[in-house]
C-alpha atoms as a PDB file:
ATOM      1  CA  MET A   1      -0.042  -0.019   0.092  1.00  0.00           C
ATOM      2  CA  SER A   2       1.614   3.100  -1.218  1.00  0.00           C
ATOM      3  CA  GLY A   3       0.239   5.890   0.828  1.00  0.00           C
ATOM      4  CA  SER A   4      -0.964   6.298   4.491  1.00  0.00           C
ATOM      5  CA  THR A   5      -4.322   7.824   3.178  1.00  0.00           C
ATOM      6  CA  GLU A   6      -5.143   4.993   0.883  1.00  0.00           C
ATOM      7  CA  ARG A   7      -8.111   3.035   1.984  1.00  0.00           C
ATOM      8  CA  PRO A   8      -7.858  -0.681   1.401  1.00  0.00           C
ATOM      9  CA  ALA A   9     -11.018  -2.992   1.484  1.00  0.00           C
ATOM     10  CA  GLY A  10     -12.985  -2.680   4.651  1.00  0.00           C
ATOM     11  CA  GLY A  11     -12.094   1.202   5.063  1.00  0.00           C
ATOM     12  CA  THR A  12      -8.935   0.690   7.179  1.00  0.00           C
ATOM     13  CA  SER A  13      -6.094   3.040   6.265  1.00  0.00           C
ATOM     14  CA  ALA A  14      -2.682   1.617   5.282  1.00  0.00           C
ATOM     15  CA  MET A  15      -1.394   3.464   8.360  1.00  0.00           C
ATOM     16  CA  ASP A  16      -3.923   1.671  10.659  1.00  0.00           C
ATOM     17  CA  LEU A  17      -2.914  -1.704   9.082  1.00  0.00           C
ATOM     18  CA  ARG A  18       0.793  -0.905   9.783  1.00  0.00           C
ATOM     19  CA  HIS A  19      -0.012  -0.022  13.412  1.00  0.00           C
ATOM     20  CA  LEU A  20      -2.229  -3.120  13.880  1.00  0.00           C
ATOM     21  CA  GLY A  21       0.551  -5.306  12.456  1.00  0.00           C
ATOM     22  CA  ARG A  22       3.039  -3.790  14.870  1.00  0.00           C
ATOM     23  CA  GLU A  23       0.758  -4.323  17.625  1.00  0.00           C
ATOM     24  CA  LEU A  24       0.256  -7.932  16.780  1.00  0.00           C
ATOM     25  CA  LYS A  25       4.092  -8.534  16.315  1.00  0.00           C
ATOM     26  CA  THR A  26       4.594  -7.104  19.934  1.00  0.00           C
ATOM     27  CA  ALA A  27       1.790  -9.331  21.246  1.00  0.00           C
ATOM     28  CA  VAL A  28       3.414 -12.379  19.758  1.00  0.00           C
ATOM     29  CA  GLU A  29       6.801 -11.439  21.369  1.00  0.00           C
ATOM     30  CA  LEU A  30       5.113 -10.955  24.694  1.00  0.00           C
ATOM     31  CA  ALA A  31       3.011 -14.040  24.343  1.00  0.00           C
ATOM     32  CA  VAL A  32       6.111 -16.177  23.701  1.00  0.00           C
ATOM     33  CA  VAL A  33       8.033 -14.588  26.668  1.00  0.00           C
ATOM     34  CA  GLY A  34       4.921 -14.856  28.876  1.00  0.00           C
ATOM     35  CA  LEU A  35       4.316 -18.659  28.113  1.00  0.00           C
ATOM     36  CA  ALA A  36       0.969 -17.926  26.701  1.00  0.00           C
ATOM     37  CA  PRO A  37      -0.868 -21.073  25.393  1.00  0.00           C
ATOM     38  CA  GLN A  38       0.500 -22.201  22.026  1.00  0.00           C
ATOM     39  CA  PRO A  39      -2.713 -21.800  20.104  1.00  0.00           C
ATOM     40  CA  LEU A  40      -2.956 -18.173  21.133  1.00  0.00           C
ATOM     41  CA  VAL A  41       0.691 -17.589  20.191  1.00  0.00           C
ATOM     42  CA  GLU A  42       0.171 -19.206  16.831  1.00  0.00           C
ATOM     43  CA  LYS A  43      -3.060 -17.243  16.205  1.00  0.00           C
ATOM     44  CA  LEU A  44      -1.416 -14.048  16.930  1.00  0.00           C
ATOM     45  CA  ALA A  45       1.647 -14.998  14.787  1.00  0.00           C
ATOM     46  CA  ALA A  46      -0.470 -16.141  11.795  1.00  0.00           C
ATOM     47  CA  ILE A  47      -2.535 -12.851  11.743  1.00  0.00           C
ATOM     48  CA  ALA A  48       0.506 -10.695  12.185  1.00  0.00           C
ATOM     49  CA  GLY A  49       2.057 -12.524   9.166  1.00  0.00           C
ATOM     50  CA  LEU A  50      -1.075 -12.214   7.094  1.00  0.00           C
ATOM     51  CA  LEU A  51      -1.243  -8.539   7.833  1.00  0.00           C
ATOM     52  CA  GLU A  52       2.403  -8.065   6.747  1.00  0.00           C
ATOM     53  CA  ALA A  53       1.893  -9.967   3.556  1.00  0.00           C
ATOM     54  CA  VAL A  54      -1.375  -8.014   2.739  1.00  0.00           C
ATOM     55  CA  GLY A  55       0.483  -4.825   3.523  1.00  0.00           C
ATOM     56  CA  GLY A  56       2.954  -5.305   0.709  1.00  0.00           C
ATOM     57  CA  LEU A  57       0.110  -5.597  -1.899  1.00  0.00           C
ATOM     58  CA  PRO A  58      -1.777  -2.746  -3.621  1.00  0.00           C
ATOM     59  CA  ALA A  59      -5.016  -1.882  -1.722  1.00  0.00           C
ATOM     60  CA  ASP A  60      -7.321  -2.614  -4.625  1.00  0.00           C
ATOM     61  CA  SER A  61      -5.772  -6.054  -5.443  1.00  0.00           C
ATOM     62  CA  PRO A  62      -8.087  -9.052  -5.251  1.00  0.00           C
ATOM     63  CA  PRO A  63      -6.104 -10.800  -2.488  1.00  0.00           C
ATOM     64  CA  VAL A  64      -6.400  -7.629  -0.359  1.00  0.00           C
ATOM     65  CA  MET A  65      -9.877  -7.104  -1.014  1.00  0.00           C
ATOM     66  CA  ALA A  66     -10.859 -10.809  -0.318  1.00  0.00           C
ATOM     67  CA  LEU A  67      -8.705 -11.221   2.854  1.00  0.00           C
ATOM     68  CA  LEU A  68      -8.649  -7.802   4.608  1.00  0.00           C
ATOM     69  CA  PRO A  69     -12.122  -7.562   6.025  1.00  0.00           C
ATOM     70  CA  LYS A  70     -12.203 -10.798   7.843  1.00  0.00           C
ATOM     71  CA  LEU A  71      -8.449 -10.406   8.736  1.00  0.00           C
ATOM     72  CA  VAL A  72      -9.183  -7.161  10.567  1.00  0.00           C
ATOM     73  CA  VAL A  73     -12.122  -8.794  12.475  1.00  0.00           C
ATOM     74  CA  ARG A  74      -9.754 -11.837  13.402  1.00  0.00           C
ATOM     75  CA  ALA A  75      -7.020  -9.382  14.372  1.00  0.00           C
ATOM     76  CA  ALA A  76      -9.341  -7.466  16.790  1.00  0.00           C
ATOM     77  CA  ALA A  77     -10.601 -10.774  18.277  1.00  0.00           C
ATOM     78  CA  ALA A  78      -7.096 -12.075  18.755  1.00  0.00           C
ATOM     79  CA  GLN A  79      -5.904  -8.869  20.342  1.00  0.00           C
ATOM     80  CA  LYS A  80      -8.959  -9.028  22.736  1.00  0.00           C
ATOM     81  CA  GLU A  81      -8.180 -12.650  23.604  1.00  0.00           C
ATOM     82  CA  TRP A  82      -4.410 -11.730  24.150  1.00  0.00           C
ATOM     83  CA  SER A  83      -5.413  -8.880  26.375  1.00  0.00           C
ATOM     84  CA  GLU A  84      -7.733 -11.015  28.456  1.00  0.00           C
ATOM     85  CA  TRP A  85      -5.060 -13.665  28.839  1.00  0.00           C
ATOM     86  CA  GLN A  86      -2.443 -11.138  29.756  1.00  0.00           C
ATOM     87  CA  GLU A  87      -4.574  -9.509  32.341  1.00  0.00           C
ATOM     88  CA  LYS A  88      -5.455 -12.797  33.978  1.00  0.00           C
ATOM     89  CA  HIS A  89      -1.874 -13.916  34.053  1.00  0.00           C
ATOM     90  CA  ARG A  90      -0.157 -10.643  34.955  1.00  0.00           C
ATOM     91  CA  GLY A  91       2.402 -10.969  37.523  1.00  0.00           C
ATOM     92  CA  ASN A  92       2.192 -14.893  37.286  1.00  0.00           C
ATOM     93  CA  ALA A  93       4.915 -15.207  34.681  1.00  0.00           C
END
């Protein structure tokens, strides 16, 4: 995605996607260090990787238009799951 004002499928800006990708990469690192359950780590990692892959494609490309809307929803759900796990286990690791 070439510019930060470009709007890919789903109305999310390229800048928003880069920010979301960075947040998920950080969540993966923290989940690994915090010994989060493997399925959660893998979910975070998969979504972060897909966001990175989609971010390298033109916003109006068929793969972006097909993947992005559900990917953004999955990313939000994974972030919520990670936040809940982290809050529950804060200070235990």
